[in-house]
Structures are given as structure tokens and as C-alpha cells.
Amino acid sequence: MVELAPSILSCDFSKLQEDLDATKDTGLKMIHIDVMDGLFVPNISFAFKIIKDIRDKNDYFFDTHLMIVDPIRYIDRFVEAGCDRLTIHYEASDSPLEAIKKIKACGIEAGISLKPKTACEKILPLLAYVDAVLVMSVEPGFGGQSFMEESLDKVKFLRKYIDENKLSCKIEIDGGIKTENVRKVIAAGCDEIVSGSDIFAKEDIRGQIEKYYQIFNEDSH
């Protein structure tokens, strides 16, 4: 079953918990948390305190995407804040494997991500060590961008490699995903779908999540 991971980057932060409450009892299992430092990407989002504050009130898998330089410095603090998976960027670390091993040693899931211009071949040796690979279908750093069609080729390439090598790594995609194009990324081989503005920027958040799950269920038959 494909899983949906709504990105809280697109929430109204003056009513963050209210937006999250609107996702309850929809079948949703995870939310996506984008952390940006203003260095790796030209934007700054939020960090430990917000994650910790929403942890107690939300029984979701916290899928956290670190768009930060040298992420190994902060792994312990994100784990303490309540994250269930930390996904780091291949381009943001001198030793991504070292960071991945530290994340796993903390008892949570690890993921690896790559920018649209980074070749998939660079991360292949890491896939045996991670729980998920996050394909960026926009340039990381801002919400609301248009989906890059060429990202589908990356997904197909990774799907083939993971299946042929019998790896347990899931494929996640993030960027420009909408109900209108989500079928394409599922068909290409994605296991987890991140969507931000197409959920939290909508007036009916609950109804929009239900639309996604209706599509997922149709495509699973």
C-alpha cells in the first residue's frame, strides 16, 4: 500500500495543531517535516522545539527531511525531539554513510535524498543501509514548485535497482505532487508520497487526504 506523507511546511503556522487535527481519522500514518538551515537551501524553516511540541499531540510517524549542512551534528537532538526517520542529503555531508550509521544506532529509520541534478548512481552504495530514498521532484528549499517530469526516470531507475538487489529500501518522492499527477509517480514505483500545498493549502484538508487515499486504493487493485 502506498503511504501519504503530508508536508507540514505548507501548514498555517498560526494554527499548526488545528491543521494537524484536520488530518486525524483519515487513515493517515505519517507526516513529513522539512527542516532547512538557510545554508544548504536558501530558506529557513523550523527545528527541534516545534517538532517536540507537536510530538505529544500527534500519533504519526515523523518523517523528517534534513536540508541542512553537516547533519550529523544534530542527529541526537532530532531523535530527542521525537523524529521516527531522519533523511539526510547526499550533497550535504562529507560522509553520508557515517551519518546514516549514527541515525540507525539511535534506533530510528534513516533515509538518503538527492537533489534533482545529482545522479542516482552516486547514492546506490548507500541504499543497503537506509530505509528510504527520497527523490526530489523540485529543487529543495521551497514549497509550491512545479513537478519535474524527469524525476520519474530516477524513480524507475531506483525501483529497478532496489528490486533487482532485493533491498528493503522504500522510494519516497517530494515536490509538486498533486492529485492530478500522483498516479504517474505511483506507476513509476514510489512507495511514499509527500504532498504539501495540495493538502494543507486546501480549504478541506480532510477531504483532500481522502482523495489521495481513494486514488491509492484504485491503483492497488
C-alpha atoms as a PDB file:
ATOM      1  CA  MET A   1       0.000   0.000   0.000  1.00  0.00           C
ATOM      2  CA  VAL A   2       1.299   3.447  -0.937  1.00  0.00           C
ATOM      3  CA  GLU A   3       1.567   5.839   2.011  1.00  0.00           C
ATOM      4  CA  LEU A   4       0.856   9.560   2.051  1.00  0.00           C
ATOM      5  CA  ALA A   5       3.096  11.960   3.972  1.00  0.00           C
ATOM      6  CA  PRO A   6       1.598  15.479   4.061  1.00  0.00           C
ATOM      7  CA  SER A   7       4.281  18.123   4.499  1.00  0.00           C
ATOM      8  CA  ILE A   8       3.630  20.481   7.391  1.00  0.00           C
ATOM      9  CA  LEU A   9       5.779  23.105   5.658  1.00  0.00           C
ATOM     10  CA  SER A  10       2.538  24.120   3.927  1.00  0.00           C
ATOM     11  CA  CYS A  11       0.541  24.431   7.148  1.00  0.00           C
ATOM     12  CA  ASP A  12      -0.667  27.746   8.506  1.00  0.00           C
ATOM     13  CA  PHE A  13       1.724  28.072  11.432  1.00  0.00           C
ATOM     14  CA  SER A  14      -0.613  30.354  13.323  1.00  0.00           C
ATOM     15  CA  LYS A  15      -2.847  27.259  13.651  1.00  0.00           C
ATOM     16  CA  LEU A  16      -0.458  24.360  13.149  1.00  0.00           C
ATOM     17  CA  GLN A  17      -2.165  21.932  15.511  1.00  0.00           C
ATOM     18  CA  GLU A  18      -5.562  22.833  14.097  1.00  0.00           C
ATOM     19  CA  ASP A  19      -4.326  21.897  10.627  1.00  0.00           C
ATOM     20  CA  LEU A  20      -2.907  18.645  12.013  1.00  0.00           C
ATOM     21  CA  ASP A  21      -6.164  17.887  13.807  1.00  0.00           C
ATOM     22  CA  ALA A  22      -7.901  18.081  10.430  1.00  0.00           C
ATOM     23  CA  THR A  23      -5.830  15.068   9.300  1.00  0.00           C
ATOM     24  CA  LYS A  24      -6.991  12.808  12.130  1.00  0.00           C
ATOM     25  CA  ASP A  25      -9.123   9.719  11.470  1.00  0.00           C
ATOM     26  CA  THR A  26      -8.361   9.697   7.758  1.00  0.00           C
ATOM     27  CA  GLY A  27      -6.160   6.605   7.735  1.00  0.00           C
ATOM     28  CA  LEU A  28      -3.047   8.799   7.611  1.00  0.00           C
ATOM     29  CA  LYS A  29       0.006   7.211   9.240  1.00  0.00           C
ATOM     30  CA  MET A  30       2.821   9.707   8.694  1.00  0.00           C
ATOM     31  CA  ILE A  31       3.619  13.371   8.278  1.00  0.00           C
ATOM     32  CA  HIS A  32       6.604  14.939   6.537  1.00  0.00           C
ATOM     33  CA  ILE A  33       8.709  17.541   8.335  1.00  0.00           C
ATOM     34  CA  ASP A  34      11.055  19.716   6.270  1.00  0.00           C
ATOM     35  CA  VAL A  35      13.981  21.197   8.189  1.00  0.00           C
ATOM     36  CA  MET A  36      16.004  23.875   6.367  1.00  0.00           C
ATOM     37  CA  ASP A  37      19.007  25.811   7.628  1.00  0.00           C
ATOM     38  CA  GLY A  38      19.340  28.663   5.115  1.00  0.00           C
ATOM     39  CA  LEU A  39      22.738  27.287   4.045  1.00  0.00           C
ATOM     40  CA  PHE A  40      22.133  24.013   2.220  1.00  0.00           C
ATOM     41  CA  VAL A  41      18.972  25.548   0.770  1.00  0.00           C
ATOM     42  CA  PRO A  42      18.080  29.268   0.559  1.00  0.00           C
ATOM     43  CA  ASN A  43      15.271  29.081   3.102  1.00  0.00           C
ATOM     44  CA  ILE A  44      14.861  28.556   6.845  1.00  0.00           C
ATOM     45  CA  SER A  45      12.000  26.562   8.339  1.00  0.00           C
ATOM     46  CA  PHE A  46      11.942  25.219  11.897  1.00  0.00           C
ATOM     47  CA  ALA A  47      13.714  22.787  14.156  1.00  0.00           C
ATOM     48  CA  PHE A  48      13.651  20.923  17.417  1.00  0.00           C
ATOM     49  CA  LYS A  49      11.105  22.805  19.520  1.00  0.00           C
ATOM     50  CA  ILE A  50       8.259  22.722  17.018  1.00  0.00           C
ATOM     51  CA  ILE A  51       8.838  19.012  16.405  1.00  0.00           C
ATOM     52  CA  LYS A  52       8.892  18.319  20.135  1.00  0.00           C
ATOM     53  CA  ASP A  53       5.793  20.460  20.745  1.00  0.00           C
ATOM     54  CA  ILE A  54       3.669  18.610  18.192  1.00  0.00           C
ATOM     55  CA  ARG A  55       5.035  15.164  19.078  1.00  0.00           C
ATOM     56  CA  ASP A  56       2.848  14.647  22.153  1.00  0.00           C
ATOM     57  CA  LYS A  57      -0.394  15.528  20.370  1.00  0.00           C
ATOM     58  CA  ASN A  58       0.134  13.581  17.158  1.00  0.00           C
ATOM     59  CA  ASP A  59       0.484   9.825  16.925  1.00  0.00           C
ATOM     60  CA  TYR A  60       2.084   9.891  13.476  1.00  0.00           C
ATOM     61  CA  PHE A  61       5.354   8.588  12.072  1.00  0.00           C
ATOM     62  CA  PHE A  62       7.510  11.726  11.931  1.00  0.00           C
ATOM     63  CA  ASP A  63       9.288  11.534   8.569  1.00  0.00           C
ATOM     64  CA  THR A  64      11.889  14.299   8.840  1.00  0.00           C
ATOM     65  CA  HIS A  65      13.816  15.633   5.841  1.00  0.00           C
ATOM     66  CA  LEU A  66      17.015  17.426   6.867  1.00  0.00           C
ATOM     67  CA  MET A  67      18.045  20.008   4.291  1.00  0.00           C
ATOM     68  CA  ILE A  68      20.956  21.112   6.436  1.00  0.00           C
ATOM     69  CA  VAL A  69      24.735  21.185   6.154  1.00  0.00           C
ATOM     70  CA  ASP A  70      26.663  18.512   8.067  1.00  0.00           C
ATOM     71  CA  PRO A  71      23.537  16.915   9.578  1.00  0.00           C
ATOM     72  CA  ILE A  72      25.473  14.528  11.829  1.00  0.00           C
ATOM     73  CA  ARG A  73      25.876  17.442  14.275  1.00  0.00           C
ATOM     74  CA  TYR A  74      22.178  17.433  15.131  1.00  0.00           C
ATOM     75  CA  ILE A  75      21.072  13.804  14.895  1.00  0.00           C
ATOM     76  CA  ASP A  76      20.816  13.308  18.662  1.00  0.00           C
ATOM     77  CA  ARG A  77      18.654  16.408  19.084  1.00  0.00           C
ATOM     78  CA  PHE A  78      16.230  15.404  16.325  1.00  0.00           C
ATOM     79  CA  VAL A  79      15.926  11.953  17.846  1.00  0.00           C
ATOM     80  CA  GLU A  80      15.231  13.513  21.257  1.00  0.00           C
ATOM     81  CA  ALA A  81      12.571  15.744  19.664  1.00  0.00           C
ATOM     82  CA  GLY A  82      10.687  12.649  18.538  1.00  0.00           C
ATOM     83  CA  CYS A  83      11.559  12.010  14.897  1.00  0.00           C
ATOM     84  CA  ASP A  84      10.963   8.480  13.582  1.00  0.00           C
ATOM     85  CA  ARG A  85      13.067   8.822  10.428  1.00  0.00           C
ATOM     86  CA  LEU A  86      15.836  11.246   9.537  1.00  0.00           C
ATOM     87  CA  THR A  87      16.578  11.681   5.846  1.00  0.00           C
ATOM     88  CA  ILE A  88      19.826  13.447   5.032  1.00  0.00           C
ATOM     89  CA  HIS A  89      21.087  14.800   1.732  1.00  0.00           C
ATOM     90  CA  TYR A  90      23.923  13.091  -0.093  1.00  0.00           C
ATOM     91  CA  GLU A  91      25.240  16.535  -1.075  1.00  0.00           C
ATOM     92  CA  ALA A  92      25.172  17.943   2.483  1.00  0.00           C
ATOM     93  CA  SER A  93      27.671  15.630   4.166  1.00  0.00           C
ATOM     94  CA  ASP A  94      31.317  14.679   3.653  1.00  0.00           C
ATOM     95  CA  SER A  95      30.461  11.230   4.986  1.00  0.00           C
ATOM     96  CA  PRO A  96      26.796  10.372   4.422  1.00  0.00           C
ATOM     97  CA  LEU A  97      27.352   6.750   5.455  1.00  0.00           C
ATOM     98  CA  GLU A  98      28.734   7.821   8.826  1.00  0.00           C
ATOM     99  CA  ALA A  99      25.649   9.980   9.416  1.00  0.00           C
ATOM    100  CA  ILE A 100      23.343   7.151   8.314  1.00  0.00           C
ATOM    101  CA  LYS A 101      25.004   4.713  10.702  1.00  0.00           C
ATOM    102  CA  LYS A 102      24.652   7.174  13.564  1.00  0.00           C
ATOM    103  CA  ILE A 103      20.935   7.612  12.827  1.00  0.00           C
ATOM    104  CA  LYS A 104      20.424   3.834  12.785  1.00  0.00           C
ATOM    105  CA  ALA A 105      22.396   3.470  16.021  1.00  0.00           C
ATOM    106  CA  CYS A 106      19.872   5.819  17.637  1.00  0.00           C
ATOM    107  CA  GLY A 107      17.159   3.269  16.907  1.00  0.00           C
ATOM    108  CA  ILE A 108      15.219   5.150  14.227  1.00  0.00           C
ATOM    109  CA  GLU A 109      14.954   4.887  10.450  1.00  0.00           C
ATOM    110  CA  ALA A 110      17.451   6.548   8.111  1.00  0.00           C
ATOM    111  CA  GLY A 111      16.911   7.942   4.638  1.00  0.00           C
ATOM    112  CA  ILE A 112      19.041   9.428   1.881  1.00  0.00           C
ATOM    113  CA  SER A 113      17.952  12.155  -0.510  1.00  0.00           C
ATOM    114  CA  LEU A 114      19.423  13.738  -3.600  1.00  0.00           C
ATOM    115  CA  LYS A 115      18.842  16.952  -5.490  1.00  0.00           C
ATOM    116  CA  PRO A 116      17.334  16.816  -8.998  1.00  0.00           C
ATOM    117  CA  LYS A 117      20.723  17.333 -10.674  1.00  0.00           C
ATOM    118  CA  THR A 118      22.528  14.646  -8.654  1.00  0.00           C
ATOM    119  CA  ALA A 119      22.936  11.343 -10.499  1.00  0.00           C
ATOM    120  CA  CYS A 120      21.283   8.327  -8.891  1.00  0.00           C
ATOM    121  CA  GLU A 121      24.467   6.294  -9.316  1.00  0.00           C
ATOM    122  CA  LYS A 122      26.130   8.322  -6.554  1.00  0.00           C
ATOM    123  CA  ILE A 123      23.792   7.020  -3.859  1.00  0.00           C
ATOM    124  CA  LEU A 124      23.488   3.387  -4.945  1.00  0.00           C
ATOM    125  CA  PRO A 125      26.139   2.130  -2.455  1.00  0.00           C
ATOM    126  CA  LEU A 126      24.105   3.690   0.380  1.00  0.00           C
ATOM    127  CA  LEU A 127      20.772   2.040  -0.394  1.00  0.00           C
ATOM    128  CA  ALA A 128      21.640  -1.139   1.505  1.00  0.00           C
ATOM    129  CA  TYR A 129      22.000   0.929   4.688  1.00  0.00           C
ATOM    130  CA  VAL A 130      18.858   3.082   4.541  1.00  0.00           C
ATOM    131  CA  ASP A 131      15.137   2.548   4.981  1.00  0.00           C
ATOM    132  CA  ALA A 132      14.131   5.060   2.310  1.00  0.00           C
ATOM    133  CA  VAL A 133      15.454   7.065  -0.601  1.00  0.00           C
ATOM    134  CA  LEU A 134      13.812  10.438  -1.144  1.00  0.00           C
ATOM    135  CA  VAL A 135      13.672  11.625  -4.756  1.00  0.00           C
ATOM    136  CA  MET A 136      13.275  15.382  -5.009  1.00  0.00           C
ATOM    137  CA  SER A 137      10.967  16.287  -7.885  1.00  0.00           C
ATOM    138  CA  VAL A 138      11.609  20.017  -7.326  1.00  0.00           C
ATOM    139  CA  GLU A 139      14.660  21.943  -6.185  1.00  0.00           C
ATOM    140  CA  PRO A 140      14.676  21.575  -2.386  1.00  0.00           C
ATOM    141  CA  GLY A 141      14.028  24.624  -0.259  1.00  0.00           C
ATOM    142  CA  PHE A 142      10.573  25.970  -1.073  1.00  0.00           C
ATOM    143  CA  GLY A 143       7.049  24.620  -1.290  1.00  0.00           C
ATOM    144  CA  GLY A 144       4.637  25.156  -4.146  1.00  0.00           C
ATOM    145  CA  GLN A 145       7.020  24.427  -7.056  1.00  0.00           C
ATOM    146  CA  SER A 146       6.045  22.608 -10.239  1.00  0.00           C
ATOM    147  CA  PHE A 147       6.724  18.898 -10.582  1.00  0.00           C
ATOM    148  CA  MET A 148       9.817  17.965 -12.627  1.00  0.00           C
ATOM    149  CA  GLU A 149       8.784  15.215 -15.060  1.00  0.00           C
ATOM    150  CA  GLU A 150      12.372  13.954 -15.391  1.00  0.00           C
ATOM    151  CA  SER A 151      12.213  12.771 -11.773  1.00  0.00           C
ATOM    152  CA  LEU A 152      10.092   9.846 -12.989  1.00  0.00           C
ATOM    153  CA  ASP A 153      13.160   8.407 -14.729  1.00  0.00           C
ATOM    154  CA  LYS A 154      15.033   8.485 -11.410  1.00  0.00           C
ATOM    155  CA  VAL A 155      12.219   6.679  -9.652  1.00  0.00           C
ATOM    156  CA  LYS A 156      12.105   3.979 -12.338  1.00  0.00           C
ATOM    157  CA  PHE A 157      15.894   3.557 -12.200  1.00  0.00           C
ATOM    158  CA  LEU A 158      15.881   3.240  -8.408  1.00  0.00           C
ATOM    159  CA  ARG A 159      12.886   0.888  -8.427  1.00  0.00           C
ATOM    160  CA  LYS A 160      14.696  -1.457 -10.807  1.00  0.00           C
ATOM    161  CA  TYR A 161      17.914  -1.354  -8.779  1.00  0.00           C
ATOM    162  CA  ILE A 162      16.168  -1.915  -5.429  1.00  0.00           C
ATOM    163  CA  ASP A 163      14.083  -4.795  -6.755  1.00  0.00           C
ATOM    164  CA  GLU A 164      16.958  -6.493  -8.576  1.00  0.00           C
ATOM    165  CA  ASN A 165      19.157  -6.298  -5.486  1.00  0.00           C
ATOM    166  CA  LYS A 166      16.325  -7.362  -3.163  1.00  0.00           C
ATOM    167  CA  LEU A 167      16.736  -4.309  -0.924  1.00  0.00           C
ATOM    168  CA  SER A 168      14.100  -3.251   1.595  1.00  0.00           C
ATOM    169  CA  CYS A 169      14.586   0.464   0.877  1.00  0.00           C
ATOM    170  CA  LYS A 170      11.382   2.385   0.126  1.00  0.00           C
ATOM    171  CA  ILE A 171      11.149   5.079  -2.540  1.00  0.00           C
ATOM    172  CA  GLU A 172       9.652   8.396  -1.475  1.00  0.00           C
ATOM    173  CA  ILE A 173       9.034  11.416  -3.708  1.00  0.00           C
ATOM    174  CA  ASP A 174       8.641  15.068  -2.765  1.00  0.00           C
ATOM    175  CA  GLY A 175       7.868  18.131  -4.829  1.00  0.00           C
ATOM    176  CA  GLY A 176       4.946  19.340  -6.899  1.00  0.00           C
ATOM    177  CA  ILE A 177       2.809  16.287  -6.184  1.00  0.00           C
ATOM    178  CA  LYS A 178      -0.917  16.768  -6.711  1.00  0.00           C
ATOM    179  CA  THR A 179      -3.920  14.514  -7.132  1.00  0.00           C
ATOM    180  CA  GLU A 180      -3.630  15.213 -10.872  1.00  0.00           C
ATOM    181  CA  ASN A 181      -0.142  13.706 -11.223  1.00  0.00           C
ATOM    182  CA  VAL A 182       0.188  11.275  -8.304  1.00  0.00           C
ATOM    183  CA  ARG A 183      -0.801   8.275 -10.423  1.00  0.00           C
ATOM    184  CA  LYS A 184       2.334   8.787 -12.538  1.00  0.00           C
ATOM    185  CA  VAL A 185       4.701   8.609  -9.596  1.00  0.00           C
ATOM    186  CA  ILE A 186       2.943   5.546  -8.194  1.00  0.00           C
ATOM    187  CA  ALA A 187       3.207   3.833 -11.580  1.00  0.00           C
ATOM    188  CA  ALA A 188       6.924   4.699 -11.701  1.00  0.00           C
ATOM    189  CA  GLY A 189       7.463   2.815  -8.433  1.00  0.00           C
ATOM    190  CA  CYS A 190       7.038   5.139  -5.447  1.00  0.00           C
ATOM    191  CA  ASP A 191       6.060   3.753  -2.044  1.00  0.00           C
ATOM    192  CA  GLU A 192       5.590   7.049  -0.185  1.00  0.00           C
ATOM    193  CA  ILE A 193       4.157  10.312  -1.485  1.00  0.00           C
ATOM    194  CA  VAL A 194       4.930  13.704   0.033  1.00  0.00           C
ATOM    195  CA  SER A 195       2.425  16.434  -0.740  1.00  0.00           C
ATOM    196  CA  GLY A 196       2.338  19.846   0.896  1.00  0.00           C
ATOM    197  CA  SER A 197       0.427  22.692  -0.689  1.00  0.00           C
ATOM    198  CA  ASP A 198      -2.023  20.313  -2.370  1.00  0.00           C
ATOM    199  CA  ILE A 199      -3.171  19.265   1.098  1.00  0.00           C
ATOM    200  CA  PHE A 200      -2.535  21.950   3.696  1.00  0.00           C
ATOM    201  CA  ALA A 201      -3.207  24.881   1.362  1.00  0.00           C
ATOM    202  CA  LYS A 202      -6.652  23.467   0.581  1.00  0.00           C
ATOM    203  CA  GLU A 203      -9.773  24.585   2.422  1.00  0.00           C
ATOM    204  CA  ASP A 204     -10.855  20.981   3.045  1.00  0.00           C
ATOM    205  CA  ILE A 205      -7.696  19.267   4.338  1.00  0.00           C
ATOM    206  CA  ARG A 206      -9.506  16.096   5.373  1.00  0.00           C
ATOM    207  CA  GLY A 207     -11.317  15.805   2.049  1.00  0.00           C
ATOM    208  CA  GLN A 208      -8.078  16.243   0.131  1.00  0.00           C
ATOM    209  CA  ILE A 209      -6.344  13.474   2.068  1.00  0.00           C
ATOM    210  CA  GLU A 210      -9.311  11.225   1.366  1.00  0.00           C
ATOM    211  CA  LYS A 211      -8.957  11.969  -2.366  1.00  0.00           C
ATOM    212  CA  TYR A 212      -5.354  10.762  -2.254  1.00  0.00           C
ATOM    213  CA  TYR A 213      -6.290   7.541  -0.487  1.00  0.00           C
ATOM    214  CA  GLN A 214      -9.087   6.936  -2.965  1.00  0.00           C
ATOM    215  CA  ILE A 215      -6.510   7.155  -5.779  1.00  0.00           C
ATOM    216  CA  PHE A 216      -4.113   4.864  -3.876  1.00  0.00           C
ATOM    217  CA  ASN A 217      -6.841   2.282  -3.379  1.00  0.00           C
ATOM    218  CA  GLU A 218      -7.877   2.426  -7.032  1.00  0.00           C
ATOM    219  CA  ASP A 219      -4.286   1.924  -8.167  1.00  0.00           C
ATOM    220  CA  SER A 220      -3.740  -1.032  -5.824  1.00  0.00           C
ATOM    221  CA  HIS A 221      -6.490  -3.091  -7.500  1.00  0.00           C
END
